């Protein structure tokens, strides 16, 4: 199927109209802050500024898993960044992440604050900070873990900005774009399914930061929770991915991590901000 009026790109692209779609109001071709806004700072050394998108969930799951292991230094404040309202373009947030994407972390445990941005970098930073937690010591297993971690970094844009955008958010359905990215996402699911057919977790027998990175994206997709595309992509075919995602979803720390900075779904599944472990015991609407 072709458009009635084919698009011919101009010699020089210019930003002269809205891009359309769900996120058109925050899309722009330049970086930097759009307004002055300082970030709040809580009482814990680790300050997280995020939203419970899959990239945000990676880090809150990691922090909750660290606490589950008994690392009290992993206590954290999680502040909500409403990306649909452009809060990621505030001057304080841009100072932590010049790329204006969630999540962003400030570690104030040392003499000088340390900023960490990009979710994979945050997972590695936290793993190393807490004695290589969830990062295999064996060289071959560590290489496997990091390979899958970076596989997620390279693959998820095809799932999110590619398939997710054109299937769920674009102002019009474009058959070529949806078919192109659906094919790639199904290939990625097959990659994961083949790996998880031979291994309990992505890096081997043990749960690692690779699983924490991949699960919020591909686990949610396999359960039909991402873009409501489960039937379209026939996700039930990927039985090993489903086994893996169900096992992770049963972990108490993963359940808590998925709630943090979440502003949609059932109220009982939301915790808009997290400042203490006892926050999980109080319903969101009672606190805000």
Protein backbone atom coordinates (compact mmCIF):
# COMPACT_ATOMS: atom_id res chain seq x y z
CA UNK A 1 0.00 0.00 0.00
CA UNK A 2 1.35 3.46 -0.90
CA UNK A 3 0.38 6.98 0.08
CA UNK A 4 -1.86 8.89 -2.34
CA UNK A 5 0.67 11.72 -2.32
CA UNK A 6 4.19 10.32 -1.86
CA UNK A 7 6.48 12.31 0.39
CA UNK A 8 9.65 13.70 -1.12
CA UNK A 9 12.19 14.84 1.49
CA UNK A 10 13.39 18.42 1.03
CA UNK A 11 17.03 19.14 0.33
CA UNK A 12 17.38 20.60 3.83
CA UNK A 13 15.08 19.51 6.65
CA UNK A 14 13.57 22.26 8.80
CA UNK A 15 11.44 22.22 11.94
CA UNK A 16 8.40 24.10 10.67
CA UNK A 17 5.45 22.03 11.90
CA UNK A 18 4.41 19.76 14.74
CA UNK A 19 5.46 16.15 14.32
CA UNK A 20 2.06 14.80 15.34
CA UNK A 21 1.33 11.84 17.56
CA UNK A 22 1.07 11.44 21.30
CA UNK A 23 4.41 13.04 22.18
CA UNK A 24 4.41 15.86 19.66
CA UNK A 25 4.32 18.52 22.37
CA UNK A 26 7.72 17.49 23.76
CA UNK A 27 9.55 16.58 20.54
CA UNK A 28 12.10 19.13 19.33
CA UNK A 29 15.38 19.04 17.42
CA UNK A 30 17.46 20.91 20.01
CA UNK A 31 18.76 20.06 23.47
CA UNK A 32 19.03 22.08 26.67
CA UNK A 33 16.64 23.44 29.28
CA UNK A 34 13.39 25.14 28.38
CA UNK A 35 12.73 26.55 31.85
CA UNK A 36 14.32 27.00 35.25
CA UNK A 37 13.38 24.37 37.78
CA UNK A 38 15.54 22.98 40.55
CA UNK A 39 15.21 19.33 41.44
CA UNK A 40 14.08 18.32 44.92
CA UNK A 41 16.54 16.50 47.17
CA UNK A 42 15.48 14.00 49.81
CA UNK A 43 17.30 12.57 52.80
CA UNK A 44 19.00 9.58 51.18
CA UNK A 45 22.32 9.70 49.30
CA UNK A 46 20.73 8.20 46.18
CA UNK A 47 18.30 10.54 44.45
CA UNK A 48 16.41 9.13 41.48
CA UNK A 49 14.42 11.27 39.05
CA UNK A 50 12.24 9.07 36.91
CA UNK A 51 8.95 7.71 35.63
CA UNK A 52 7.82 4.07 35.53
CA UNK A 53 8.34 3.56 31.82
CA UNK A 54 10.36 0.42 31.06
CA UNK A 55 13.61 2.38 31.26
CA UNK A 56 12.66 3.79 34.64
CA UNK A 57 11.54 0.41 36.00
CA UNK A 58 14.98 -1.06 35.34
CA UNK A 59 16.55 1.17 37.99
CA UNK A 60 13.85 0.96 40.64
CA UNK A 61 13.89 -2.84 40.37
CA UNK A 62 17.67 -2.77 40.84
CA UNK A 63 17.43 -0.53 43.88
CA UNK A 64 14.73 -2.67 45.45
CA UNK A 65 16.74 -5.83 44.73
CA UNK A 66 19.77 -4.28 46.42
CA UNK A 67 17.68 -3.46 49.47
CA UNK A 68 16.30 -7.00 49.42
CA UNK A 69 19.91 -8.23 49.65
CA UNK A 70 20.44 -6.08 52.73
CA UNK A 71 22.38 -3.17 51.20
CA UNK A 72 21.04 -0.35 53.37
CA UNK A 73 23.15 2.14 51.42
CA UNK A 74 20.79 1.57 48.52
CA UNK A 75 17.95 3.43 50.25
CA UNK A 76 16.75 6.08 47.87
CA UNK A 77 14.33 8.87 47.11
CA UNK A 78 12.47 8.48 43.81
CA UNK A 79 11.02 11.72 42.46
CA UNK A 80 8.41 11.73 39.73
CA UNK A 81 9.31 13.35 36.40
CA UNK A 82 6.23 13.83 34.24
CA UNK A 83 7.71 13.62 30.77
CA UNK A 84 4.41 14.41 29.01
CA UNK A 85 4.54 17.78 30.75
CA UNK A 86 8.14 18.45 29.76
CA UNK A 87 9.58 18.27 33.27
CA UNK A 88 12.70 16.58 31.86
CA UNK A 89 13.58 19.90 30.23
CA UNK A 90 13.86 21.77 33.54
CA UNK A 91 17.29 23.20 34.26
CA UNK A 92 17.86 20.96 37.28
CA UNK A 93 17.07 17.79 35.36
CA UNK A 94 19.17 18.81 32.37
CA UNK A 95 22.10 19.33 34.75
CA UNK A 96 21.80 15.69 35.79
CA UNK A 97 21.05 14.35 32.31
CA UNK A 98 21.92 16.63 29.39
CA UNK A 99 20.02 14.21 27.14
CA UNK A 100 16.73 15.02 28.97
CA UNK A 101 15.61 11.40 29.30
CA UNK A 102 14.55 9.45 32.36
CA UNK A 103 15.92 7.90 34.49
CA UNK A 104 18.62 10.09 36.01
CA UNK A 105 20.46 9.43 39.27
CA UNK A 106 22.45 11.62 41.66
CA UNK A 107 24.69 9.85 44.15
CA UNK A 108 25.42 12.20 47.05
CA UNK A 109 27.20 9.63 49.22
CA UNK A 110 30.69 11.01 48.53
CA UNK A 111 32.40 14.38 48.93
CA UNK A 112 31.18 15.43 45.50
CA UNK A 113 27.83 14.45 43.96
CA UNK A 114 28.07 12.01 41.06
CA UNK A 115 25.54 12.14 38.25
CA UNK A 116 24.68 9.01 36.28
CA UNK A 117 22.36 8.95 33.28
CA UNK A 118 21.27 6.28 30.78
CA UNK A 119 19.59 3.30 32.42
CA UNK A 120 22.28 0.78 31.49
CA UNK A 121 24.99 3.00 32.95
CA UNK A 122 22.97 3.36 36.16
CA UNK A 123 22.59 -0.41 36.49
CA UNK A 124 26.33 -0.92 36.05
CA UNK A 125 27.16 1.92 38.44
CA UNK A 126 24.92 0.53 41.17
CA UNK A 127 26.16 -3.02 40.67
CA UNK A 128 29.78 -1.90 41.06
CA UNK A 129 28.99 0.43 43.96
CA UNK A 130 27.52 -2.47 45.94
CA UNK A 131 30.25 -5.05 45.47
CA UNK A 132 29.34 -6.21 41.97
CA UNK A 133 25.84 -7.16 43.06
CA UNK A 134 23.93 -8.89 40.26
CA UNK A 135 27.06 -8.73 38.10
CA UNK A 136 28.80 -12.11 37.68
CA UNK A 137 32.36 -12.46 38.96
CA UNK A 138 33.35 -15.09 36.41
CA UNK A 139 34.83 -13.41 33.34
CA UNK A 140 32.83 -15.40 30.80
CA UNK A 141 29.55 -14.96 32.66
CA UNK A 142 30.23 -11.25 33.14
CA UNK A 143 30.84 -10.90 29.41
CA UNK A 144 27.54 -12.70 28.76
CA UNK A 145 25.73 -10.41 31.20
CA UNK A 146 27.14 -7.24 29.67
CA UNK A 147 26.47 -8.51 26.16
CA UNK A 148 22.78 -8.95 26.94
CA UNK A 149 22.68 -5.63 28.78
CA UNK A 150 24.00 -3.85 25.70
CA UNK A 151 21.78 -5.99 23.46
CA UNK A 152 18.84 -4.40 25.24
CA UNK A 153 20.25 -0.91 24.76
CA UNK A 154 20.58 -1.48 21.04
CA UNK A 155 17.37 -3.45 20.52
CA UNK A 156 14.74 -1.61 22.58
CA UNK A 157 14.66 1.51 20.36
CA UNK A 158 13.29 -0.70 17.58
CA UNK A 159 10.62 -1.90 20.00
CA UNK A 160 9.77 1.48 21.54
CA UNK A 161 10.56 4.28 19.12
CA UNK A 162 9.99 1.97 16.17
CA UNK A 163 7.17 -0.52 16.68
CA UNK A 164 5.57 1.17 19.68
CA UNK A 165 5.48 4.57 18.03
CA UNK A 166 4.02 3.49 14.72
CA UNK A 167 1.66 0.87 16.16
CA UNK A 168 0.31 2.85 19.13
CA UNK A 169 1.21 6.54 18.98
CA UNK A 170 1.64 7.79 15.42
CA UNK A 171 -1.17 10.06 14.14
CA UNK A 172 -1.82 7.64 11.27
CA UNK A 173 -1.22 3.93 10.70
CA UNK A 174 1.49 3.31 8.12
CA UNK A 175 1.48 -0.31 6.95
CA UNK A 176 5.11 -0.35 5.83
CA UNK A 177 6.40 1.06 9.14
CA UNK A 178 4.30 -1.24 11.33
CA UNK A 179 5.21 -4.32 9.29
CA UNK A 180 8.91 -3.41 9.30
CA UNK A 181 9.12 -2.98 13.05
CA UNK A 182 6.76 -5.85 13.91
CA UNK A 183 9.08 -8.16 11.98
CA UNK A 184 12.09 -6.88 13.91
CA UNK A 185 10.40 -7.14 17.31
CA UNK A 186 9.35 -10.72 16.62
CA UNK A 187 12.93 -11.49 15.63
CA UNK A 188 14.11 -10.00 18.93
CA UNK A 189 11.60 -12.11 20.87
CA UNK A 190 12.89 -15.16 19.05
CA UNK A 191 16.47 -14.23 20.00
CA UNK A 192 15.43 -14.07 23.65
CA UNK A 193 13.35 -17.22 23.49
CA UNK A 194 16.24 -19.24 22.05
CA UNK A 195 18.59 -17.97 24.75
CA UNK A 196 16.12 -18.66 27.56
CA UNK A 197 15.51 -22.16 26.22
CA UNK A 198 19.08 -23.00 27.19
CA UNK A 199 19.55 -20.84 30.28
CA UNK A 200 17.46 -19.91 33.31
CA UNK A 201 18.45 -16.26 32.99
CA UNK A 202 20.15 -14.25 30.30
CA UNK A 203 23.65 -14.45 31.78
CA UNK A 204 23.33 -18.04 32.97
CA UNK A 205 21.93 -19.64 36.09
CA UNK A 206 21.79 -16.43 38.12
CA UNK A 207 19.57 -13.36 37.89
CA UNK A 208 21.58 -10.29 36.86
CA UNK A 209 21.39 -6.69 35.73
CA UNK A 210 20.88 -8.03 32.19
CA UNK A 211 17.53 -9.49 33.26
CA UNK A 212 16.62 -6.26 35.04
CA UNK A 213 17.28 -4.31 31.85
CA UNK A 214 15.41 -6.62 29.48
CA UNK A 215 12.44 -7.60 31.65
CA UNK A 216 10.60 -4.24 31.83
CA UNK A 217 10.54 -4.08 28.03
CA UNK A 218 10.26 -7.61 26.72
CA UNK A 219 8.65 -9.16 29.77
CA UNK A 220 5.84 -6.61 29.61
CA UNK A 221 5.54 -7.20 25.88
CA UNK A 222 5.34 -10.96 26.36
CA UNK A 223 2.53 -10.49 28.90
CA UNK A 224 0.58 -8.25 26.52
CA UNK A 225 1.09 -5.23 28.78
CA UNK A 226 3.09 -3.09 26.35
CA UNK A 227 1.25 -1.23 23.57
CA UNK A 228 -1.61 -3.78 23.93
CA UNK A 229 0.14 -5.66 21.16
CA UNK A 230 0.15 -9.17 22.57
CA UNK A 231 -2.38 -10.63 20.16
CA UNK A 232 -0.97 -8.73 17.19
CA UNK A 233 2.53 -10.12 17.82
CA UNK A 234 1.33 -13.57 18.98
CA UNK A 235 3.51 -13.34 22.08
CA UNK A 236 2.21 -16.63 23.48
CA UNK A 237 4.52 -18.38 21.01
CA UNK A 238 7.57 -17.39 23.06
CA UNK A 239 7.15 -19.88 25.89
CA UNK A 240 10.64 -19.54 27.34
CA UNK A 241 10.32 -15.75 27.50
CA UNK A 242 6.99 -16.20 29.30
CA UNK A 243 8.52 -18.61 31.82
CA UNK A 244 11.33 -16.15 32.50
CA UNK A 245 9.12 -13.08 32.80
CA UNK A 246 6.73 -14.85 35.18
CA UNK A 247 9.61 -15.87 37.44
CA UNK A 248 10.92 -12.31 37.62
CA UNK A 249 7.42 -10.90 38.13
CA UNK A 250 7.07 -13.11 41.22
CA UNK A 251 10.09 -11.49 42.89
CA UNK A 252 8.96 -9.08 45.65
CA UNK A 253 11.63 -6.53 44.70
CA UNK A 254 10.51 -6.56 41.06
CA UNK A 255 6.91 -6.04 42.17
CA UNK A 256 7.91 -3.05 44.28
CA UNK A 257 10.20 -1.62 41.64
CA UNK A 258 7.45 -1.71 39.04
CA UNK A 259 5.23 0.43 41.29
CA UNK A 260 7.67 3.29 41.87
CA UNK A 261 6.95 6.49 39.92
CA UNK A 262 3.95 4.79 38.30
CA UNK A 263 0.98 7.09 37.60
CA UNK A 264 -1.37 4.82 35.65
CA UNK A 265 -3.22 1.56 36.19
CA UNK A 266 -4.93 0.49 39.40
CA UNK A 267 -4.24 2.84 42.34
CA UNK A 268 -2.87 -0.10 44.30
CA UNK A 269 -0.18 -0.55 41.62
CA UNK A 270 1.03 3.05 41.86
CA UNK A 271 3.57 4.75 44.08
CA UNK A 272 4.08 8.19 42.61
CA UNK A 273 7.10 8.94 44.77
CA UNK A 274 9.15 6.73 47.04
CA UNK A 275 11.09 8.08 50.01
CA UNK A 276 11.01 5.18 52.45
CA UNK A 277 10.31 1.45 52.39
CA UNK A 278 7.12 2.05 54.37
CA UNK A 279 5.70 4.05 51.44
CA UNK A 280 4.63 0.77 49.82
CA UNK A 281 2.23 0.19 52.68
CA UNK A 282 0.23 3.34 51.95
CA UNK A 283 -2.05 3.76 48.95
CA UNK A 284 -0.99 6.47 46.52
CA UNK A 285 -4.21 8.47 46.73
CA UNK A 286 -3.89 8.64 50.51
CA UNK A 287 -0.44 10.24 50.25
CA UNK A 288 -0.76 12.81 47.50
